[in-house]
């Protein structure tokens, strides 16, 4: 009996130790990236996320077919897609930020992209391959910087994305802002763009950068008929210009102020 009690005590201690690993120490300070946990968990582990991506790309294929029927052929037809959180899944990078308790740095981002380890997002490969089979040029415009071009293309090639080639991948110049207008205009000078697809509104048109006190709601309402037609938006709760708008378009404010603003801006009952 004594041996059984001793064994029971040891097992109980081991189980307790294992359980405590997942419990938050009440004296532990929340890290700067704690707010990313639920967003990243949703992006990685919710079936709803996959459903949203499949839904968006199914609709994109339908609209592309419809627009192609009306295409007059004066310029070759094209579809323009963003890369990050549109065709490539970078949520492991967010997990790294959570684990290290830090916010985004360009150095760590470059380290991640150099790994060429991003996976394809649901529906992205099938849609781009289908578009290519339909005779539509697949163009990628991303705010990854040009020093990431080789690793980005190799990552895309490994996954089977069409047009993973410098002629069709437009990245951000090192000394320029993230405004995609100039790159879009270069594409539109050669192609008739039938669809714009992205997870951020400025992946579609730079006019959506003008988020005022309405956080961009009025702009979206004004252009409501374009969504699901010319514009396809994909879900990304982890980061984006929507977050910057909450901070009154000023990322430089303190961590404490950002946390306060995230709470203050919410509606309650």
C-alpha atoms as a PDB file:
ATOM      1  CA  UNK A   1       0.000   0.000   0.000  1.00  0.00           C
ATOM      2  CA  UNK A   2       2.832   2.392   0.893  1.00  0.00           C
ATOM      3  CA  UNK A   3       4.445   1.714  -2.485  1.00  0.00           C
ATOM      4  CA  UNK A   4       1.160   2.461  -4.247  1.00  0.00           C
ATOM      5  CA  UNK A   5       0.738   5.712  -2.331  1.00  0.00           C
ATOM      6  CA  UNK A   6       4.314   6.717  -3.153  1.00  0.00           C
ATOM      7  CA  UNK A   7       3.782   5.930  -6.822  1.00  0.00           C
ATOM      8  CA  UNK A   8       0.509   7.921  -6.799  1.00  0.00           C
ATOM      9  CA  UNK A   9       2.296  10.909  -5.233  1.00  0.00           C
ATOM     10  CA  UNK A  10       5.066  10.840  -7.822  1.00  0.00           C
ATOM     11  CA  UNK A  11       2.591  10.629 -10.715  1.00  0.00           C
ATOM     12  CA  UNK A  12       0.533  13.486  -9.223  1.00  0.00           C
ATOM     13  CA  UNK A  13       3.625  15.675  -8.936  1.00  0.00           C
ATOM     14  CA  UNK A  14       4.650  14.923 -12.532  1.00  0.00           C
ATOM     15  CA  UNK A  15       1.167  15.708 -13.835  1.00  0.00           C
ATOM     16  CA  UNK A  16       1.098  18.907 -11.827  1.00  0.00           C
ATOM     17  CA  UNK A  17       4.445  19.990 -13.225  1.00  0.00           C
ATOM     18  CA  UNK A  18       3.254  19.283 -16.755  1.00  0.00           C
ATOM     19  CA  UNK A  19       0.041  21.254 -16.183  1.00  0.00           C
ATOM     20  CA  UNK A  20       1.864  24.244 -14.759  1.00  0.00           C
ATOM     21  CA  UNK A  21       3.778  24.667 -18.000  1.00  0.00           C
ATOM     22  CA  UNK A  22       0.629  25.982 -19.648  1.00  0.00           C
ATOM     23  CA  UNK A  23      -0.450  28.198 -16.761  1.00  0.00           C
ATOM     24  CA  UNK A  24       0.417  31.892 -16.758  1.00  0.00           C
ATOM     25  CA  UNK A  25       2.498  33.019 -13.836  1.00  0.00           C
ATOM     26  CA  UNK A  26       0.454  35.828 -12.222  1.00  0.00           C
ATOM     27  CA  UNK A  27       3.656  37.845 -11.842  1.00  0.00           C
ATOM     28  CA  UNK A  28       4.693  37.321 -15.447  1.00  0.00           C
ATOM     29  CA  UNK A  29       4.556  40.477 -17.586  1.00  0.00           C
ATOM     30  CA  UNK A  30       2.701  40.160 -20.890  1.00  0.00           C
ATOM     31  CA  UNK A  31       5.043  40.381 -23.844  1.00  0.00           C
ATOM     32  CA  UNK A  32       4.841  43.004 -26.572  1.00  0.00           C
ATOM     33  CA  UNK A  33       3.438  40.395 -28.964  1.00  0.00           C
ATOM     34  CA  UNK A  34       0.836  38.832 -26.682  1.00  0.00           C
ATOM     35  CA  UNK A  35      -1.964  40.409 -28.733  1.00  0.00           C
ATOM     36  CA  UNK A  36      -0.920  38.240 -31.707  1.00  0.00           C
ATOM     37  CA  UNK A  37      -1.794  34.969 -29.997  1.00  0.00           C
ATOM     38  CA  UNK A  38      -5.515  34.721 -30.778  1.00  0.00           C
ATOM     39  CA  UNK A  39      -5.142  36.174 -34.273  1.00  0.00           C
ATOM     40  CA  UNK A  40      -2.366  33.712 -35.153  1.00  0.00           C
ATOM     41  CA  UNK A  41      -4.241  30.813 -33.554  1.00  0.00           C
ATOM     42  CA  UNK A  42      -7.275  31.656 -35.702  1.00  0.00           C
ATOM     43  CA  UNK A  43      -5.161  31.920 -38.836  1.00  0.00           C
ATOM     44  CA  UNK A  44      -3.367  28.617 -38.250  1.00  0.00           C
ATOM     45  CA  UNK A  45      -5.943  26.452 -36.522  1.00  0.00           C
ATOM     46  CA  UNK A  46      -9.477  27.476 -37.473  1.00  0.00           C
ATOM     47  CA  UNK A  47     -11.387  25.619 -40.170  1.00  0.00           C
ATOM     48  CA  UNK A  48     -13.226  28.908 -40.758  1.00  0.00           C
ATOM     49  CA  UNK A  49      -9.988  30.478 -41.993  1.00  0.00           C
ATOM     50  CA  UNK A  50      -9.592  27.733 -44.600  1.00  0.00           C
ATOM     51  CA  UNK A  51     -13.230  28.123 -45.598  1.00  0.00           C
ATOM     52  CA  UNK A  52     -12.770  31.876 -46.081  1.00  0.00           C
ATOM     53  CA  UNK A  53      -9.784  31.346 -48.380  1.00  0.00           C
ATOM     54  CA  UNK A  54     -11.511  28.648 -50.428  1.00  0.00           C
ATOM     55  CA  UNK A  55     -14.603  30.836 -50.675  1.00  0.00           C
ATOM     56  CA  UNK A  56     -12.570  33.837 -51.847  1.00  0.00           C
ATOM     57  CA  UNK A  57     -10.615  31.894 -54.461  1.00  0.00           C
ATOM     58  CA  UNK A  58     -13.741  30.087 -55.694  1.00  0.00           C
ATOM     59  CA  UNK A  59     -15.378  33.475 -56.197  1.00  0.00           C
ATOM     60  CA  UNK A  60     -12.208  34.812 -57.834  1.00  0.00           C
ATOM     61  CA  UNK A  61     -12.266  31.993 -60.390  1.00  0.00           C
ATOM     62  CA  UNK A  62     -15.936  32.624 -61.153  1.00  0.00           C
ATOM     63  CA  UNK A  63     -15.403  36.367 -61.603  1.00  0.00           C
ATOM     64  CA  UNK A  64     -12.286  35.811 -63.686  1.00  0.00           C
ATOM     65  CA  UNK A  65     -14.224  33.602 -66.090  1.00  0.00           C
ATOM     66  CA  UNK A  66     -16.979  36.207 -66.335  1.00  0.00           C
ATOM     67  CA  UNK A  67     -14.587  39.110 -66.916  1.00  0.00           C
ATOM     68  CA  UNK A  68     -12.640  37.091 -69.460  1.00  0.00           C
ATOM     69  CA  UNK A  69     -15.811  36.603 -71.497  1.00  0.00           C
ATOM     70  CA  UNK A  70     -16.111  40.395 -71.747  1.00  0.00           C
ATOM     71  CA  UNK A  71     -12.407  40.922 -72.401  1.00  0.00           C
ATOM     72  CA  UNK A  72     -11.969  42.660 -75.765  1.00  0.00           C
ATOM     73  CA  UNK A  73      -8.357  41.615 -76.176  1.00  0.00           C
ATOM     74  CA  UNK A  74      -6.802  45.058 -76.700  1.00  0.00           C
ATOM     75  CA  UNK A  75      -4.273  44.112 -74.021  1.00  0.00           C
ATOM     76  CA  UNK A  76      -3.483  40.656 -72.625  1.00  0.00           C
ATOM     77  CA  UNK A  77      -5.640  39.765 -69.611  1.00  0.00           C
ATOM     78  CA  UNK A  78      -4.014  39.569 -66.180  1.00  0.00           C
ATOM     79  CA  UNK A  79      -4.792  39.028 -62.540  1.00  0.00           C
ATOM     80  CA  UNK A  80      -2.731  40.823 -59.859  1.00  0.00           C
ATOM     81  CA  UNK A  81      -2.147  39.201 -56.465  1.00  0.00           C
ATOM     82  CA  UNK A  82      -0.339  40.218 -53.317  1.00  0.00           C
ATOM     83  CA  UNK A  83       2.005  37.562 -51.875  1.00  0.00           C
ATOM     84  CA  UNK A  84       2.086  37.587 -48.059  1.00  0.00           C
ATOM     85  CA  UNK A  85      -1.105  36.275 -46.442  1.00  0.00           C
ATOM     86  CA  UNK A  86      -2.589  36.140 -49.946  1.00  0.00           C
ATOM     87  CA  UNK A  87      -0.733  33.209 -51.494  1.00  0.00           C
ATOM     88  CA  UNK A  88       1.991  32.529 -48.884  1.00  0.00           C
ATOM     89  CA  UNK A  89       1.370  31.744 -45.210  1.00  0.00           C
ATOM     90  CA  UNK A  90       3.786  33.593 -42.919  1.00  0.00           C
ATOM     91  CA  UNK A  91       2.015  32.819 -39.662  1.00  0.00           C
ATOM     92  CA  UNK A  92       5.076  30.870 -38.370  1.00  0.00           C
ATOM     93  CA  UNK A  93       6.860  34.244 -38.366  1.00  0.00           C
ATOM     94  CA  UNK A  94       4.126  35.607 -36.079  1.00  0.00           C
ATOM     95  CA  UNK A  95       4.596  32.590 -33.813  1.00  0.00           C
ATOM     96  CA  UNK A  96       8.293  33.438 -33.581  1.00  0.00           C
ATOM     97  CA  UNK A  97       7.411  36.976 -32.497  1.00  0.00           C
ATOM     98  CA  UNK A  98       5.096  35.538 -29.842  1.00  0.00           C
ATOM     99  CA  UNK A  99       7.726  33.104 -28.565  1.00  0.00           C
ATOM    100  CA  UNK A 100      10.415  35.799 -28.380  1.00  0.00           C
ATOM    101  CA  UNK A 101       8.074  38.453 -26.989  1.00  0.00           C
ATOM    102  CA  UNK A 102       9.049  40.989 -29.635  1.00  0.00           C
ATOM    103  CA  UNK A 103       7.473  42.968 -32.454  1.00  0.00           C
ATOM    104  CA  UNK A 104       8.307  42.890 -36.171  1.00  0.00           C
ATOM    105  CA  UNK A 105      11.860  43.679 -37.225  1.00  0.00           C
ATOM    106  CA  UNK A 106      13.100  43.785 -40.814  1.00  0.00           C
ATOM    107  CA  UNK A 107      16.106  41.656 -39.835  1.00  0.00           C
ATOM    108  CA  UNK A 108      13.982  38.843 -38.442  1.00  0.00           C
ATOM    109  CA  UNK A 109      11.589  39.088 -41.408  1.00  0.00           C
ATOM    110  CA  UNK A 110      14.536  38.705 -43.814  1.00  0.00           C
ATOM    111  CA  UNK A 111      15.721  35.693 -41.829  1.00  0.00           C
ATOM    112  CA  UNK A 112      12.278  34.108 -42.250  1.00  0.00           C
ATOM    113  CA  UNK A 113      11.964  34.811 -45.983  1.00  0.00           C
ATOM    114  CA  UNK A 114      15.486  33.478 -46.572  1.00  0.00           C
ATOM    115  CA  UNK A 115      14.307  30.109 -45.261  1.00  0.00           C
ATOM    116  CA  UNK A 116      11.892  29.801 -48.242  1.00  0.00           C
ATOM    117  CA  UNK A 117       9.635  27.854 -45.873  1.00  0.00           C
ATOM    118  CA  UNK A 118       6.268  29.601 -46.277  1.00  0.00           C
ATOM    119  CA  UNK A 119       3.450  27.246 -47.246  1.00  0.00           C
ATOM    120  CA  UNK A 120       0.739  27.978 -49.794  1.00  0.00           C
ATOM    121  CA  UNK A 121      -2.560  29.302 -48.504  1.00  0.00           C
ATOM    122  CA  UNK A 122      -5.749  27.321 -49.209  1.00  0.00           C
ATOM    123  CA  UNK A 123      -6.960  27.667 -52.790  1.00  0.00           C
ATOM    124  CA  UNK A 124      -4.098  29.906 -53.932  1.00  0.00           C
ATOM    125  CA  UNK A 125      -2.179  27.386 -56.060  1.00  0.00           C
ATOM    126  CA  UNK A 126      -5.336  26.010 -57.658  1.00  0.00           C
ATOM    127  CA  UNK A 127      -6.607  29.487 -58.544  1.00  0.00           C
ATOM    128  CA  UNK A 128      -3.348  30.789 -60.010  1.00  0.00           C
ATOM    129  CA  UNK A 129      -2.798  27.618 -62.005  1.00  0.00           C
ATOM    130  CA  UNK A 130      -6.378  27.784 -63.311  1.00  0.00           C
ATOM    131  CA  UNK A 131      -5.917  31.432 -64.291  1.00  0.00           C
ATOM    132  CA  UNK A 132      -2.754  30.533 -66.176  1.00  0.00           C
ATOM    133  CA  UNK A 133      -4.554  27.690 -67.975  1.00  0.00           C
ATOM    134  CA  UNK A 134      -7.231  30.208 -68.997  1.00  0.00           C
ATOM    135  CA  UNK A 135      -4.565  32.298 -70.712  1.00  0.00           C
ATOM    136  CA  UNK A 136      -4.517  34.984 -68.009  1.00  0.00           C
ATOM    137  CA  UNK A 137      -1.115  36.297 -66.927  1.00  0.00           C
ATOM    138  CA  UNK A 138      -0.590  35.912 -63.192  1.00  0.00           C
ATOM    139  CA  UNK A 139       1.226  38.953 -61.751  1.00  0.00           C
ATOM    140  CA  UNK A 140       2.446  39.351 -58.169  1.00  0.00           C
ATOM    141  CA  UNK A 141       2.930  42.764 -56.523  1.00  0.00           C
ATOM    142  CA  UNK A 142       4.331  42.550 -52.995  1.00  0.00           C
ATOM    143  CA  UNK A 143       5.908  44.882 -50.461  1.00  0.00           C
ATOM    144  CA  UNK A 144       8.642  42.394 -49.786  1.00  0.00           C
ATOM    145  CA  UNK A 145      11.867  44.236 -50.592  1.00  0.00           C
ATOM    146  CA  UNK A 146      13.867  43.474 -53.725  1.00  0.00           C
ATOM    147  CA  UNK A 147      16.668  41.842 -51.726  1.00  0.00           C
ATOM    148  CA  UNK A 148      14.156  39.051 -51.048  1.00  0.00           C
ATOM    149  CA  UNK A 149      13.380  38.438 -54.723  1.00  0.00           C
ATOM    150  CA  UNK A 150      15.446  35.276 -55.166  1.00  0.00           C
ATOM    151  CA  UNK A 151      14.223  33.596 -51.972  1.00  0.00           C
ATOM    152  CA  UNK A 152      10.621  34.615 -52.711  1.00  0.00           C
ATOM    153  CA  UNK A 153      10.694  33.205 -56.234  1.00  0.00           C
ATOM    154  CA  UNK A 154      12.347  29.983 -55.072  1.00  0.00           C
ATOM    155  CA  UNK A 155       9.699  29.572 -52.362  1.00  0.00           C
ATOM    156  CA  UNK A 156       6.930  30.103 -54.936  1.00  0.00           C
ATOM    157  CA  UNK A 157       8.532  27.742 -57.481  1.00  0.00           C
ATOM    158  CA  UNK A 158       8.858  25.021 -54.875  1.00  0.00           C
ATOM    159  CA  UNK A 159       5.113  25.253 -54.237  1.00  0.00           C
ATOM    160  CA  UNK A 160       4.132  25.255 -57.904  1.00  0.00           C
ATOM    161  CA  UNK A 161       2.915  28.825 -58.415  1.00  0.00           C
ATOM    162  CA  UNK A 162       2.861  29.897 -62.079  1.00  0.00           C
ATOM    163  CA  UNK A 163       4.969  32.865 -63.262  1.00  0.00           C
ATOM    164  CA  UNK A 164       7.384  32.588 -60.345  1.00  0.00           C
ATOM    165  CA  UNK A 165       9.803  34.685 -62.365  1.00  0.00           C
ATOM    166  CA  UNK A 166      11.324  38.191 -61.994  1.00  0.00           C
ATOM    167  CA  UNK A 167       9.303  39.356 -65.018  1.00  0.00           C
ATOM    168  CA  UNK A 168       6.065  38.742 -63.124  1.00  0.00           C
ATOM    169  CA  UNK A 169       7.048  39.435 -59.496  1.00  0.00           C
ATOM    170  CA  UNK A 170       7.159  43.128 -58.558  1.00  0.00           C
ATOM    171  CA  UNK A 171       8.761  43.749 -55.177  1.00  0.00           C
ATOM    172  CA  UNK A 172       9.403  46.988 -53.321  1.00  0.00           C
ATOM    173  CA  UNK A 173      12.543  48.988 -54.094  1.00  0.00           C
ATOM    174  CA  UNK A 174      14.799  49.377 -51.078  1.00  0.00           C
ATOM    175  CA  UNK A 175      14.509  53.181 -50.914  1.00  0.00           C
ATOM    176  CA  UNK A 176      10.804  53.485 -51.698  1.00  0.00           C
ATOM    177  CA  UNK A 177       7.584  53.405 -49.689  1.00  0.00           C
ATOM    178  CA  UNK A 178       5.079  50.594 -49.748  1.00  0.00           C
ATOM    179  CA  UNK A 179       2.795  52.487 -52.147  1.00  0.00           C
ATOM    180  CA  UNK A 180       2.055  50.010 -54.962  1.00  0.00           C
ATOM    181  CA  UNK A 181       0.631  52.567 -57.410  1.00  0.00           C
ATOM    182  CA  UNK A 182       3.725  52.850 -59.597  1.00  0.00           C
ATOM    183  CA  UNK A 183       4.073  49.088 -59.895  1.00  0.00           C
ATOM    184  CA  UNK A 184       0.362  48.657 -60.615  1.00  0.00           C
ATOM    185  CA  UNK A 185       0.593  51.286 -63.347  1.00  0.00           C
ATOM    186  CA  UNK A 186       3.511  49.442 -64.968  1.00  0.00           C
ATOM    187  CA  UNK A 187       1.427  46.277 -65.051  1.00  0.00           C
ATOM    188  CA  UNK A 188      -1.689  48.074 -66.287  1.00  0.00           C
ATOM    189  CA  UNK A 189       0.289  49.680 -69.112  1.00  0.00           C
ATOM    190  CA  UNK A 190       0.877  46.191 -70.552  1.00  0.00           C
ATOM    191  CA  UNK A 191      -2.147  44.231 -69.353  1.00  0.00           C
ATOM    192  CA  UNK A 192      -5.841  44.593 -68.728  1.00  0.00           C
ATOM    193  CA  UNK A 193      -6.123  43.610 -65.081  1.00  0.00           C
ATOM    194  CA  UNK A 194      -9.351  41.703 -64.546  1.00  0.00           C
ATOM    195  CA  UNK A 195      -8.923  41.103 -60.804  1.00  0.00           C
ATOM    196  CA  UNK A 196      -6.924  42.462 -57.884  1.00  0.00           C
ATOM    197  CA  UNK A 197      -6.513  40.071 -54.935  1.00  0.00           C
ATOM    198  CA  UNK A 198      -4.980  40.793 -51.532  1.00  0.00           C
ATOM    199  CA  UNK A 199      -5.355  40.788 -47.753  1.00  0.00           C
ATOM    200  CA  UNK A 200      -4.826  44.551 -47.393  1.00  0.00           C
ATOM    201  CA  UNK A 201      -7.046  47.157 -49.043  1.00  0.00           C
ATOM    202  CA  UNK A 202      -4.098  48.967 -50.635  1.00  0.00           C
ATOM    203  CA  UNK A 203      -3.259  45.725 -52.452  1.00  0.00           C
ATOM    204  CA  UNK A 204      -6.327  46.667 -54.510  1.00  0.00           C
ATOM    205  CA  UNK A 205      -6.015  50.434 -54.882  1.00  0.00           C
ATOM    206  CA  UNK A 206      -4.017  53.123 -53.103  1.00  0.00           C
ATOM    207  CA  UNK A 207      -7.131  55.231 -52.528  1.00  0.00           C
ATOM    208  CA  UNK A 208      -7.898  52.886 -49.618  1.00  0.00           C
ATOM    209  CA  UNK A 209      -4.831  54.243 -47.801  1.00  0.00           C
ATOM    210  CA  UNK A 210      -6.853  57.341 -46.895  1.00  0.00           C
ATOM    211  CA  UNK A 211      -8.260  55.959 -43.656  1.00  0.00           C
ATOM    212  CA  UNK A 212      -9.624  58.799 -41.560  1.00  0.00           C
ATOM    213  CA  UNK A 213     -11.521  58.730 -38.281  1.00  0.00           C
ATOM    214  CA  UNK A 214     -13.894  56.188 -39.875  1.00  0.00           C
ATOM    215  CA  UNK A 215     -10.943  53.750 -40.150  1.00  0.00           C
ATOM    216  CA  UNK A 216     -11.657  53.409 -43.876  1.00  0.00           C
ATOM    217  CA  UNK A 217     -15.244  52.244 -43.401  1.00  0.00           C
ATOM    218  CA  UNK A 218     -16.689  55.069 -45.520  1.00  0.00           C
ATOM    219  CA  UNK A 219     -14.292  54.333 -48.389  1.00  0.00           C
ATOM    220  CA  UNK A 220     -15.245  50.672 -48.348  1.00  0.00           C
ATOM    221  CA  UNK A 221     -18.930  51.578 -48.268  1.00  0.00           C
ATOM    222  CA  UNK A 222     -18.461  53.933 -51.217  1.00  0.00           C
ATOM    223  CA  UNK A 223     -16.795  51.189 -53.283  1.00  0.00           C
ATOM    224  CA  UNK A 224     -18.938  48.327 -52.001  1.00  0.00           C
ATOM    225  CA  UNK A 225     -19.899  47.133 -55.480  1.00  0.00           C
ATOM    226  CA  UNK A 226     -16.269  46.455 -56.381  1.00  0.00           C
ATOM    227  CA  UNK A 227     -15.767  43.854 -53.659  1.00  0.00           C
ATOM    228  CA  UNK A 228     -16.405  40.364 -54.947  1.00  0.00           C
ATOM    229  CA  UNK A 229     -16.272  41.744 -58.493  1.00  0.00           C
ATOM    230  CA  UNK A 230     -13.022  43.528 -59.363  1.00  0.00           C
ATOM    231  CA  UNK A 231     -11.602  43.257 -55.839  1.00  0.00           C
ATOM    232  CA  UNK A 232     -11.149  40.048 -53.807  1.00  0.00           C
ATOM    233  CA  UNK A 233     -10.140  40.522 -50.163  1.00  0.00           C
ATOM    234  CA  UNK A 234      -8.659  37.759 -48.010  1.00  0.00           C
ATOM    235  CA  UNK A 235      -8.776  37.621 -44.180  1.00  0.00           C
ATOM    236  CA  UNK A 236      -5.726  38.569 -42.127  1.00  0.00           C
ATOM    237  CA  UNK A 237      -6.319  39.347 -38.435  1.00  0.00           C
ATOM    238  CA  UNK A 238      -2.588  39.298 -37.592  1.00  0.00           C
ATOM    239  CA  UNK A 239      -1.376  42.593 -39.074  1.00  0.00           C
ATOM    240  CA  UNK A 240      -2.136  45.211 -41.720  1.00  0.00           C
ATOM    241  CA  UNK A 241      -3.018  48.847 -42.288  1.00  0.00           C
ATOM    242  CA  UNK A 242      -6.243  48.288 -40.338  1.00  0.00           C
ATOM    243  CA  UNK A 243      -4.091  48.064 -37.192  1.00  0.00           C
ATOM    244  CA  UNK A 244      -2.146  51.222 -38.045  1.00  0.00           C
ATOM    245  CA  UNK A 245      -5.456  53.080 -38.414  1.00  0.00           C
ATOM    246  CA  UNK A 246      -6.320  52.136 -34.814  1.00  0.00           C
ATOM    247  CA  UNK A 247      -3.071  53.854 -33.756  1.00  0.00           C
ATOM    248  CA  UNK A 248      -4.103  56.965 -35.734  1.00  0.00           C
ATOM    249  CA  UNK A 249      -1.610  55.931 -38.428  1.00  0.00           C
ATOM    250  CA  UNK A 250       1.342  56.214 -36.050  1.00  0.00           C
ATOM    251  CA  UNK A 251       3.191  52.964 -35.337  1.00  0.00           C
ATOM    252  CA  UNK A 252       5.852  54.877 -33.384  1.00  0.00           C
ATOM    253  CA  UNK A 253       3.679  55.321 -30.290  1.00  0.00           C
ATOM    254  CA  UNK A 254       4.563  53.321 -27.198  1.00  0.00           C
ATOM    255  CA  UNK A 255       3.542  49.720 -26.607  1.00  0.00           C
ATOM    256  CA  UNK A 256       1.407  50.805 -23.638  1.00  0.00           C
ATOM    257  CA  UNK A 257      -0.451  53.382 -25.750  1.00  0.00           C
ATOM    258  CA  UNK A 258      -1.066  50.816 -28.513  1.00  0.00           C
ATOM    259  CA  UNK A 259      -2.522  48.373 -25.999  1.00  0.00           C
ATOM    260  CA  UNK A 260      -4.746  51.106 -24.568  1.00  0.00           C
ATOM    261  CA  UNK A 261      -5.976  52.181 -28.019  1.00  0.00           C
ATOM    262  CA  UNK A 262      -6.817  48.599 -28.992  1.00  0.00           C
ATOM    263  CA  UNK A 263      -9.140  48.455 -25.995  1.00  0.00           C
ATOM    264  CA  UNK A 264     -10.510  52.006 -26.193  1.00  0.00           C
ATOM    265  CA  UNK A 265     -11.618  51.685 -29.788  1.00  0.00           C
ATOM    266  CA  UNK A 266     -13.875  48.676 -29.157  1.00  0.00           C
ATOM    267  CA  UNK A 267     -17.632  49.028 -28.820  1.00  0.00           C
ATOM    268  CA  UNK A 268     -19.371  47.579 -25.791  1.00  0.00           C
ATOM    269  CA  UNK A 269     -22.990  47.263 -24.694  1.00  0.00           C
END
